[in-house]
Amino acid sequence: MAITTVTKPWGKEILIAHTDRYALKDIQMKAGTRSSLQSHVRKHETILVVSGRIAVETGPNPTDLASRTYGPDESYTVEPGTVHRVTVLEDARLIEASTPELDDLIRHADDFGRTSSGA
């Protein structure tokens, strides 16, 4: 598999590996941006903060969210069904290991007007 880079409004994702059992991404995000408020039906992901600082909102639905800040060498896990969003406080580099369902995305809100799949 070739490494694939996808430009996003908040930075970029580098897909390092994608098999029928797992996916691995290097995610680079710009300060002052945030990802979609999203959830997944099947995808299970664990994210390691390599550098920078982020705030992660998580909860059972879009109106019931708690926020926690993460910095370098901290990680968090998002289980299927969890509503979540990353807000970038300082330019950040994240490593995401997940199950392989990369198109499993439900967007609840998006600062960039996106409605189709892709985080």
C-alpha atoms as a PDB file:
ATOM      1  CA  MET A   1       0.000   0.000   0.000  1.00  0.00           C
ATOM      2  CA  ALA A   2       1.278   3.460  -0.864  1.00  0.00           C
ATOM      3  CA  ILE A   3       1.210   6.138   1.799  1.00  0.00           C
ATOM      4  CA  THR A   4      -1.601   8.585   1.027  1.00  0.00           C
ATOM      5  CA  THR A   5      -1.806  12.224   2.124  1.00  0.00           C
ATOM      6  CA  VAL A   6      -5.198  13.922   2.291  1.00  0.00           C
ATOM      7  CA  THR A   7      -5.431  17.688   2.813  1.00  0.00           C
ATOM      8  CA  LYS A   8      -8.146  18.745   5.264  1.00  0.00           C
ATOM      9  CA  PRO A   9      -9.390  22.247   6.190  1.00  0.00           C
ATOM     10  CA  TRP A  10      -7.702  21.836   9.591  1.00  0.00           C
ATOM     11  CA  GLY A  11      -4.414  20.338   8.304  1.00  0.00           C
ATOM     12  CA  LYS A  12      -3.699  16.934   6.794  1.00  0.00           C
ATOM     13  CA  GLU A  13      -3.922  13.193   7.338  1.00  0.00           C
ATOM     14  CA  ILE A  14      -1.225  10.793   6.209  1.00  0.00           C
ATOM     15  CA  LEU A  15      -2.592   7.264   5.876  1.00  0.00           C
ATOM     16  CA  ILE A  16       0.383   5.062   6.732  1.00  0.00           C
ATOM     17  CA  ALA A  17      -1.352   1.669   6.777  1.00  0.00           C
ATOM     18  CA  HIS A  18      -4.813   0.355   5.962  1.00  0.00           C
ATOM     19  CA  THR A  19      -5.533  -3.359   6.106  1.00  0.00           C
ATOM     20  CA  ASP A  20      -8.639  -5.443   6.673  1.00  0.00           C
ATOM     21  CA  ARG A  21      -7.781  -5.416  10.415  1.00  0.00           C
ATOM     22  CA  TYR A  22      -6.481  -1.919  11.223  1.00  0.00           C
ATOM     23  CA  ALA A  23      -5.588   1.583   9.988  1.00  0.00           C
ATOM     24  CA  LEU A  24      -2.759   3.900  11.067  1.00  0.00           C
ATOM     25  CA  LYS A  25      -2.728   7.673  10.450  1.00  0.00           C
ATOM     26  CA  ASP A  26      -0.335  10.542  11.129  1.00  0.00           C
ATOM     27  CA  ILE A  27      -2.618  13.562  11.631  1.00  0.00           C
ATOM     28  CA  GLN A  28      -1.331  17.139  11.586  1.00  0.00           C
ATOM     29  CA  MET A  29      -3.702  19.869  12.761  1.00  0.00           C
ATOM     30  CA  LYS A  30      -3.407  23.685  12.811  1.00  0.00           C
ATOM     31  CA  ALA A  31      -4.001  25.736  15.955  1.00  0.00           C
ATOM     32  CA  GLY A  32      -7.375  27.477  16.035  1.00  0.00           C
ATOM     33  CA  THR A  33      -9.174  24.810  13.998  1.00  0.00           C
ATOM     34  CA  ARG A  34     -11.287  21.851  14.972  1.00  0.00           C
ATOM     35  CA  SER A  35     -12.532  18.636  13.455  1.00  0.00           C
ATOM     36  CA  SER A  36     -16.150  17.804  12.750  1.00  0.00           C
ATOM     37  CA  LEU A  37     -18.384  16.927  15.648  1.00  0.00           C
ATOM     38  CA  GLN A  38     -18.711  13.280  14.676  1.00  0.00           C
ATOM     39  CA  SER A  39     -19.385   9.711  15.672  1.00  0.00           C
ATOM     40  CA  HIS A  40     -18.810   6.263  14.195  1.00  0.00           C
ATOM     41  CA  VAL A  41     -21.035   3.191  14.082  1.00  0.00           C
ATOM     42  CA  ARG A  42     -18.205   0.598  13.973  1.00  0.00           C
ATOM     43  CA  LYS A  43     -14.865   2.440  13.987  1.00  0.00           C
ATOM     44  CA  HIS A  44     -12.889   2.234  17.240  1.00  0.00           C
ATOM     45  CA  GLU A  45      -9.856   4.543  17.505  1.00  0.00           C
ATOM     46  CA  THR A  46      -7.019   5.364  19.874  1.00  0.00           C
ATOM     47  CA  ILE A  47      -5.110   8.627  19.410  1.00  0.00           C
ATOM     48  CA  LEU A  48      -1.655   9.529  20.727  1.00  0.00           C
ATOM     49  CA  VAL A  49      -0.699  13.206  20.962  1.00  0.00           C
ATOM     50  CA  VAL A  50       2.867  13.433  19.668  1.00  0.00           C
ATOM     51  CA  SER A  51       3.153  17.215  19.914  1.00  0.00           C
ATOM     52  CA  GLY A  52       0.962  20.255  20.594  1.00  0.00           C
ATOM     53  CA  ARG A  53      -2.158  20.577  22.708  1.00  0.00           C
ATOM     54  CA  ILE A  54      -5.739  19.666  21.908  1.00  0.00           C
ATOM     55  CA  ALA A  55      -9.101  19.728  23.658  1.00  0.00           C
ATOM     56  CA  VAL A  56     -11.281  16.692  23.034  1.00  0.00           C
ATOM     57  CA  GLU A  57     -15.035  16.854  23.522  1.00  0.00           C
ATOM     58  CA  THR A  58     -16.767  13.496  24.004  1.00  0.00           C
ATOM     59  CA  GLY A  59     -20.222  12.389  24.993  1.00  0.00           C
ATOM     60  CA  PRO A  60     -23.247  10.238  24.264  1.00  0.00           C
ATOM     61  CA  ASN A  61     -24.870  12.862  22.003  1.00  0.00           C
ATOM     62  CA  PRO A  62     -24.105  16.292  20.481  1.00  0.00           C
ATOM     63  CA  THR A  63     -25.690  18.214  23.374  1.00  0.00           C
ATOM     64  CA  ASP A  64     -24.073  16.282  26.240  1.00  0.00           C
ATOM     65  CA  LEU A  65     -20.302  16.704  25.875  1.00  0.00           C
ATOM     66  CA  ALA A  66     -17.412  16.879  28.327  1.00  0.00           C
ATOM     67  CA  SER A  67     -14.044  18.390  27.378  1.00  0.00           C
ATOM     68  CA  ARG A  68     -10.531  17.333  28.361  1.00  0.00           C
ATOM     69  CA  THR A  69      -7.174  18.770  27.283  1.00  0.00           C
ATOM     70  CA  TYR A  70      -4.372  16.500  26.061  1.00  0.00           C
ATOM     71  CA  GLY A  71      -0.697  17.189  25.431  1.00  0.00           C
ATOM     72  CA  PRO A  72       2.371  15.267  24.270  1.00  0.00           C
ATOM     73  CA  ASP A  73       2.600  11.593  25.263  1.00  0.00           C
ATOM     74  CA  GLU A  74      -1.070  11.454  26.291  1.00  0.00           C
ATOM     75  CA  SER A  75      -3.637   9.307  24.524  1.00  0.00           C
ATOM     76  CA  TYR A  76      -7.372   8.735  24.439  1.00  0.00           C
ATOM     77  CA  THR A  77      -9.750   6.193  22.956  1.00  0.00           C
ATOM     78  CA  VAL A  78     -13.026   6.796  21.126  1.00  0.00           C
ATOM     79  CA  GLU A  79     -15.393   3.847  21.115  1.00  0.00           C
ATOM     80  CA  PRO A  80     -18.112   3.350  18.485  1.00  0.00           C
ATOM     81  CA  GLY A  81     -21.163   5.534  19.123  1.00  0.00           C
ATOM     82  CA  THR A  82     -19.242   8.213  21.058  1.00  0.00           C
ATOM     83  CA  VAL A  83     -19.788  11.755  19.753  1.00  0.00           C
ATOM     84  CA  HIS A  84     -16.431  13.560  19.634  1.00  0.00           C
ATOM     85  CA  ARG A  85     -14.526  16.583  18.316  1.00  0.00           C
ATOM     86  CA  VAL A  86     -10.904  17.782  18.513  1.00  0.00           C
ATOM     87  CA  THR A  87     -10.159  21.496  19.004  1.00  0.00           C
ATOM     88  CA  VAL A  88      -6.522  22.399  18.347  1.00  0.00           C
ATOM     89  CA  LEU A  89      -5.045  24.706  21.006  1.00  0.00           C
ATOM     90  CA  GLU A  90      -1.453  24.515  19.659  1.00  0.00           C
ATOM     91  CA  ASP A  91      -0.342  23.053  16.311  1.00  0.00           C
ATOM     92  CA  ALA A  92      -0.628  19.321  16.911  1.00  0.00           C
ATOM     93  CA  ARG A  93       0.612  16.044  15.520  1.00  0.00           C
ATOM     94  CA  LEU A  94      -1.452  12.969  16.385  1.00  0.00           C
ATOM     95  CA  ILE A  95      -1.061   9.275  15.632  1.00  0.00           C
ATOM     96  CA  GLU A  96      -4.346   7.408  15.214  1.00  0.00           C
ATOM     97  CA  ALA A  97      -4.607   3.609  15.342  1.00  0.00           C
ATOM     98  CA  SER A  98      -8.091   2.362  14.512  1.00  0.00           C
ATOM     99  CA  THR A  99     -10.204  -0.394  13.134  1.00  0.00           C
ATOM    100  CA  PRO A 100     -10.271  -0.224   9.310  1.00  0.00           C
ATOM    101  CA  GLU A 101     -13.678   1.443   8.719  1.00  0.00           C
ATOM    102  CA  LEU A 102     -12.333   4.777   7.455  1.00  0.00           C
ATOM    103  CA  ASP A 103     -15.624   5.804   5.794  1.00  0.00           C
ATOM    104  CA  ASP A 104     -17.669   5.122   8.947  1.00  0.00           C
ATOM    105  CA  LEU A 105     -18.473   8.747   9.796  1.00  0.00           C
ATOM    106  CA  ILE A 106     -21.585  10.551  10.976  1.00  0.00           C
ATOM    107  CA  ARG A 107     -21.092  14.336  11.010  1.00  0.00           C
ATOM    108  CA  HIS A 108     -23.225  16.147  13.558  1.00  0.00           C
ATOM    109  CA  ALA A 109     -21.656  19.596  12.921  1.00  0.00           C
ATOM    110  CA  ASP A 110     -18.780  21.006  10.873  1.00  0.00           C
ATOM    111  CA  ASP A 111     -17.128  24.440  10.826  1.00  0.00           C
ATOM    112  CA  PHE A 112     -16.314  24.009   7.126  1.00  0.00           C
ATOM    113  CA  GLY A 113     -19.784  23.018   5.879  1.00  0.00           C
ATOM    114  CA  ARG A 114     -18.788  19.433   5.067  1.00  0.00           C
ATOM    115  CA  THR A 115     -21.548  16.835   5.093  1.00  0.00           C
ATOM    116  CA  SER A 116     -19.991  13.863   3.276  1.00  0.00           C
ATOM    117  CA  SER A 117     -17.661  11.209   4.685  1.00  0.00           C
ATOM    118  CA  GLY A 118     -14.082  12.001   5.705  1.00  0.00           C
ATOM    119  CA  ALA A 119     -12.977  13.448   9.036  1.00  0.00           C
END
